[in-house]
């Protein structure tokens, strides 16, 4: 029960990594707000988790939606202990093929959306302290050609994490990031299935990684549990990389 009775928000938690984090938080005794733009998916996740979870509609690109969630937490719970900013989208282009609209769409969710959530919910956390966990990416410090402007937003997210972590450390609010590499989510499965030989495509991805496999959502979730818990009181403004060593590998 490492998160016993802690009030937690996990954005984008209707599926994928966010869902795994919500599940882990409930197992560890947390009271979890499943915040997702797809309220039907969010409700399905919350219903499966039982009475320690509730679903709330959230669009991180909409300031009114973000404010409404903060007001709800204040009215119902009176405090916030943990905020996990997991909601994100993939926007992949070559730089000169990137339209203004696509640039804005990426930044609004992957960077500005995190800042909106932090700005709205930090006042609740400053009263008694807490933990903010931002789900970044290996794109936060490495570049894959053809994925612009996603790594720009994720590099910025690490800067936001470090800046807020330093600013609010004396208020007992810790701000950290987790940078997963390849994770075996439904999106990854759908990507492999787009090839003529899905099994070969999956194995090719596995072979890129020193352990011969890729990360599971649950492994990311347990890192989030650690950062959110009282077991990490002096970890602040840091980034935990979960990629099996892939980013350290010079070449195959």
Protein backbone atom coordinates (compact mmCIF):
# COMPACT_ATOMS: atom_id res chain seq x y z
CA UNK A 1 0.00 0.00 0.00
CA UNK A 2 2.71 2.46 -1.03
CA UNK A 3 0.16 5.08 -2.12
CA UNK A 4 -2.37 4.47 0.64
CA UNK A 5 -5.13 7.11 0.53
CA UNK A 6 -3.19 9.41 -1.79
CA UNK A 7 -5.35 11.40 -4.19
CA UNK A 8 -3.96 10.84 -7.69
CA UNK A 9 -4.73 12.14 -11.17
CA UNK A 10 -3.51 10.18 -14.17
CA UNK A 11 -4.18 11.85 -17.52
CA UNK A 12 -4.76 9.79 -20.64
CA UNK A 13 -5.40 6.77 -18.45
CA UNK A 14 -8.21 5.11 -20.36
CA UNK A 15 -5.72 2.82 -22.11
CA UNK A 16 -2.06 2.06 -22.66
CA UNK A 17 0.61 3.27 -20.26
CA UNK A 18 -1.84 5.55 -18.46
CA UNK A 19 -4.22 2.68 -17.78
CA UNK A 20 -1.36 0.57 -16.40
CA UNK A 21 -0.37 3.43 -14.10
CA UNK A 22 -3.95 3.84 -12.87
CA UNK A 23 -4.16 0.10 -12.19
CA UNK A 24 -0.87 0.09 -10.28
CA UNK A 25 -1.87 3.14 -8.23
CA UNK A 26 -5.13 1.51 -7.17
CA UNK A 27 -3.30 -1.71 -6.24
CA UNK A 28 -1.01 0.41 -4.06
CA UNK A 29 -3.94 1.99 -2.21
CA UNK A 30 -4.32 5.24 -4.14
CA UNK A 31 -7.57 7.00 -4.94
CA UNK A 32 -7.27 7.52 -8.70
CA UNK A 33 -8.96 9.99 -11.01
CA UNK A 34 -8.93 8.47 -14.49
CA UNK A 35 -8.81 11.60 -16.64
CA UNK A 36 -9.22 10.98 -20.35
CA UNK A 37 -10.50 12.83 -23.41
CA UNK A 38 -12.45 9.66 -24.31
CA UNK A 39 -14.83 9.51 -21.36
CA UNK A 40 -16.28 6.13 -22.42
CA UNK A 41 -12.82 4.55 -22.31
CA UNK A 42 -12.07 6.32 -19.05
CA UNK A 43 -15.27 5.06 -17.45
CA UNK A 44 -14.57 1.51 -18.57
CA UNK A 45 -11.15 1.66 -16.92
CA UNK A 46 -12.48 3.27 -13.74
CA UNK A 47 -15.35 0.78 -13.48
CA UNK A 48 -12.91 -2.12 -13.77
CA UNK A 49 -10.78 -0.63 -10.98
CA UNK A 50 -13.67 -0.37 -8.52
CA UNK A 51 -14.55 2.20 -5.90
CA UNK A 52 -11.02 3.60 -5.61
CA UNK A 53 -11.24 5.06 -9.11
CA UNK A 54 -13.43 7.62 -10.83
CA UNK A 55 -13.54 8.81 -14.43
CA UNK A 56 -13.48 12.47 -15.41
CA UNK A 57 -13.52 13.88 -18.94
CA UNK A 58 -10.39 15.91 -19.67
CA UNK A 59 -9.01 17.68 -22.72
CA UNK A 60 -5.55 18.98 -21.82
CA UNK A 61 -5.67 21.40 -24.78
CA UNK A 62 -8.72 23.16 -23.29
CA UNK A 63 -7.98 25.47 -20.34
CA UNK A 64 -11.62 25.32 -19.21
CA UNK A 65 -11.53 21.51 -19.11
CA UNK A 66 -8.32 21.58 -17.08
CA UNK A 67 -9.72 24.18 -14.66
CA UNK A 68 -12.92 22.16 -14.26
CA UNK A 69 -10.90 19.13 -13.18
CA UNK A 70 -8.94 21.18 -10.64
CA UNK A 71 -12.20 22.58 -9.26
CA UNK A 72 -13.62 19.06 -9.03
CA UNK A 73 -10.60 17.78 -7.09
CA UNK A 74 -10.77 20.73 -4.73
CA UNK A 75 -14.51 20.30 -4.12
CA UNK A 76 -14.52 16.52 -3.73
CA UNK A 77 -11.12 15.75 -2.19
CA UNK A 78 -9.75 19.04 -0.90
CA UNK A 79 -6.20 18.13 -1.86
CA UNK A 80 -4.03 16.49 -4.52
CA UNK A 81 -1.05 14.28 -3.73
CA UNK A 82 0.02 12.93 -7.12
CA UNK A 83 -0.31 14.23 -10.67
CA UNK A 84 0.78 12.02 -13.56
CA UNK A 85 0.87 13.84 -16.88
CA UNK A 86 0.63 10.93 -19.29
CA UNK A 87 -1.71 12.23 -22.03
CA UNK A 88 0.13 12.62 -25.31
CA UNK A 89 -0.06 12.18 -29.07
CA UNK A 90 2.39 11.14 -31.76
CA UNK A 91 2.93 13.77 -34.45
CA UNK A 92 5.60 12.57 -36.88
CA UNK A 93 6.74 14.43 -40.01
CA UNK A 94 9.85 15.60 -41.76
CA UNK A 95 10.57 19.15 -40.54
CA UNK A 96 9.85 21.04 -43.77
CA UNK A 97 6.68 19.02 -44.31
CA UNK A 98 5.29 20.06 -40.91
CA UNK A 99 2.37 22.48 -41.16
CA UNK A 100 1.66 25.17 -38.59
CA UNK A 101 -1.45 23.21 -37.59
CA UNK A 102 0.52 20.02 -36.95
CA UNK A 103 3.18 21.89 -34.98
CA UNK A 104 0.47 23.50 -32.85
CA UNK A 105 -1.37 20.20 -32.36
CA UNK A 106 1.77 18.49 -31.08
CA UNK A 107 2.82 21.31 -28.75
CA UNK A 108 -0.69 21.84 -27.39
CA UNK A 109 -0.92 18.28 -26.08
CA UNK A 110 2.63 17.08 -25.47
CA UNK A 111 4.10 20.21 -23.89
CA UNK A 112 1.54 22.93 -23.25
CA UNK A 113 -1.00 20.40 -21.99
CA UNK A 114 1.41 19.32 -19.26
CA UNK A 115 2.04 22.93 -18.28
CA UNK A 116 -1.72 23.64 -18.16
CA UNK A 117 -2.21 20.70 -15.82
CA UNK A 118 0.71 21.72 -13.59
CA UNK A 119 -0.36 25.35 -13.45
CA UNK A 120 -3.95 24.44 -12.53
CA UNK A 121 -3.11 21.79 -9.94
CA UNK A 122 0.06 23.03 -8.28
CA UNK A 123 -1.91 25.31 -5.92
CA UNK A 124 -3.61 22.19 -4.52
CA UNK A 125 -0.26 20.47 -4.03
CA UNK A 126 1.60 23.38 -2.48
CA UNK A 127 -0.43 23.08 0.73
CA UNK A 128 1.05 19.77 1.84
CA UNK A 129 3.49 18.74 -0.87
CA UNK A 130 3.22 15.99 -3.45
CA UNK A 131 4.67 14.43 -6.56
CA UNK A 132 4.29 15.29 -10.23
CA UNK A 133 5.35 12.61 -12.70
CA UNK A 134 5.60 13.59 -16.37
CA UNK A 135 5.64 10.79 -18.92
CA UNK A 136 8.24 11.89 -21.42
CA UNK A 137 9.97 9.64 -23.97
CA UNK A 138 13.32 8.53 -25.30
CA UNK A 139 12.54 11.23 -27.88
CA UNK A 140 13.31 13.66 -25.04
CA UNK A 141 17.04 13.20 -25.55
CA UNK A 142 17.50 11.31 -28.84
CA UNK A 143 16.34 12.01 -32.37
CA UNK A 144 14.72 9.62 -34.83
CA UNK A 145 14.53 11.16 -38.33
CA UNK A 146 11.01 11.73 -39.59
CA UNK A 147 9.44 12.20 -36.16
CA UNK A 148 9.42 16.02 -36.07
CA UNK A 149 8.14 17.94 -34.07
CA UNK A 150 7.44 15.30 -31.39
CA UNK A 151 11.02 15.28 -30.02
CA UNK A 152 10.96 19.08 -29.81
CA UNK A 153 7.96 18.90 -27.49
CA UNK A 154 9.49 16.06 -25.45
CA UNK A 155 12.83 17.85 -25.09
CA UNK A 156 10.82 20.82 -23.83
CA UNK A 157 8.98 18.58 -21.40
CA UNK A 158 12.24 17.66 -19.69
CA UNK A 159 13.04 21.36 -19.38
CA UNK A 160 9.63 21.98 -17.85
CA UNK A 161 10.12 19.08 -15.43
CA UNK A 162 13.49 20.35 -14.24
CA UNK A 163 12.37 23.97 -13.99
CA UNK A 164 9.27 23.20 -11.92
CA UNK A 165 11.19 20.72 -9.79
CA UNK A 166 13.68 23.39 -8.78
CA UNK A 167 11.08 26.13 -8.31
CA UNK A 168 8.85 24.15 -5.95
CA UNK A 169 11.29 21.87 -4.11
CA UNK A 170 11.12 24.04 -0.98
CA UNK A 171 7.34 23.58 -1.02
CA UNK A 172 7.82 19.79 -0.82
CA UNK A 173 6.58 19.27 -4.36
CA UNK A 174 8.78 16.94 -6.40
CA UNK A 175 8.64 17.00 -10.20
CA UNK A 176 10.19 14.15 -12.17
CA UNK A 177 9.91 12.52 -15.56
CA UNK A 178 9.91 8.99 -16.91
CA UNK A 179 11.23 8.42 -20.44
CA UNK A 180 10.09 5.09 -21.86
CA UNK A 181 11.51 3.76 -25.09
CA UNK A 182 9.49 1.28 -27.12
CA UNK A 183 6.53 0.04 -25.06
CA UNK A 184 4.29 -2.87 -26.01
CA UNK A 185 1.02 -0.97 -26.17
CA UNK A 186 -1.89 -1.47 -28.54
CA UNK A 187 -0.42 1.28 -30.74
CA UNK A 188 2.76 -0.76 -31.12
CA UNK A 189 0.77 -3.88 -31.95
CA UNK A 190 -1.22 -1.98 -34.58
CA UNK A 191 2.04 -0.70 -36.06
CA UNK A 192 3.45 -4.23 -36.36
CA UNK A 193 0.20 -5.44 -37.88
CA UNK A 194 0.54 -2.87 -40.65
CA UNK A 195 3.41 -4.96 -42.10
CA UNK A 196 3.02 -8.00 -44.36
CA UNK A 197 4.72 -10.11 -41.66
CA UNK A 198 3.70 -8.72 -38.23
CA UNK A 199 5.74 -11.34 -36.35
CA UNK A 200 8.91 -10.40 -38.21
CA UNK A 201 8.24 -6.69 -37.61
CA UNK A 202 7.76 -7.35 -33.89
CA UNK A 203 10.96 -9.40 -33.71
CA UNK A 204 12.90 -6.70 -35.53
CA UNK A 205 11.81 -4.23 -32.85
CA UNK A 206 12.76 -6.66 -30.09
CA UNK A 207 16.19 -7.20 -31.62
CA UNK A 208 16.98 -3.47 -31.38
CA UNK A 209 17.05 -3.78 -27.60
CA UNK A 210 19.81 -5.37 -25.51
CA UNK A 211 17.37 -7.59 -23.51
CA UNK A 212 15.80 -8.91 -26.73
CA UNK A 213 12.39 -7.54 -25.85
CA UNK A 214 10.69 -4.20 -25.20
CA UNK A 215 9.14 -2.60 -22.15
CA UNK A 216 5.66 -3.44 -20.88
CA UNK A 217 3.20 -0.76 -19.69
CA UNK A 218 3.33 -2.32 -16.23
CA UNK A 219 7.07 -1.73 -15.98
CA UNK A 220 6.56 1.97 -16.66
CA UNK A 221 3.74 1.97 -14.12
CA UNK A 222 5.92 0.65 -11.31
CA UNK A 223 8.48 3.40 -11.92
CA UNK A 224 5.61 5.88 -11.60
CA UNK A 225 4.55 4.23 -8.32
CA UNK A 226 8.07 4.65 -6.98
CA UNK A 227 8.30 8.34 -7.92
CA UNK A 228 4.80 9.02 -6.60
CA UNK A 229 5.42 7.27 -3.29
CA UNK A 230 7.16 8.38 -0.12
CA UNK A 231 10.04 6.06 -1.05
CA UNK A 232 11.53 8.70 -3.35
CA UNK A 233 11.58 11.81 -1.13
CA UNK A 234 14.89 13.17 -2.41
CA UNK A 235 14.47 12.42 -6.11
CA UNK A 236 13.56 15.67 -7.81
CA UNK A 237 13.97 17.27 -11.26
CA UNK A 238 15.16 13.93 -12.60
CA UNK A 239 14.40 11.73 -15.59
CA UNK A 240 14.24 7.93 -15.34
CA UNK A 241 14.92 6.19 -18.66
CA UNK A 242 13.19 2.87 -19.25
CA UNK A 243 14.47 1.43 -22.51
CA UNK A 244 16.47 -1.66 -21.59
CA UNK A 245 19.69 0.17 -22.35
CA UNK A 246 18.83 0.96 -25.97
CA UNK A 247 19.82 4.63 -25.70
CA UNK A 248 23.22 3.67 -24.29
CA UNK A 249 24.00 1.27 -27.14
CA UNK A 250 26.43 2.80 -29.66
CA UNK A 251 25.60 0.34 -32.46
CA UNK A 252 24.40 -3.22 -32.89
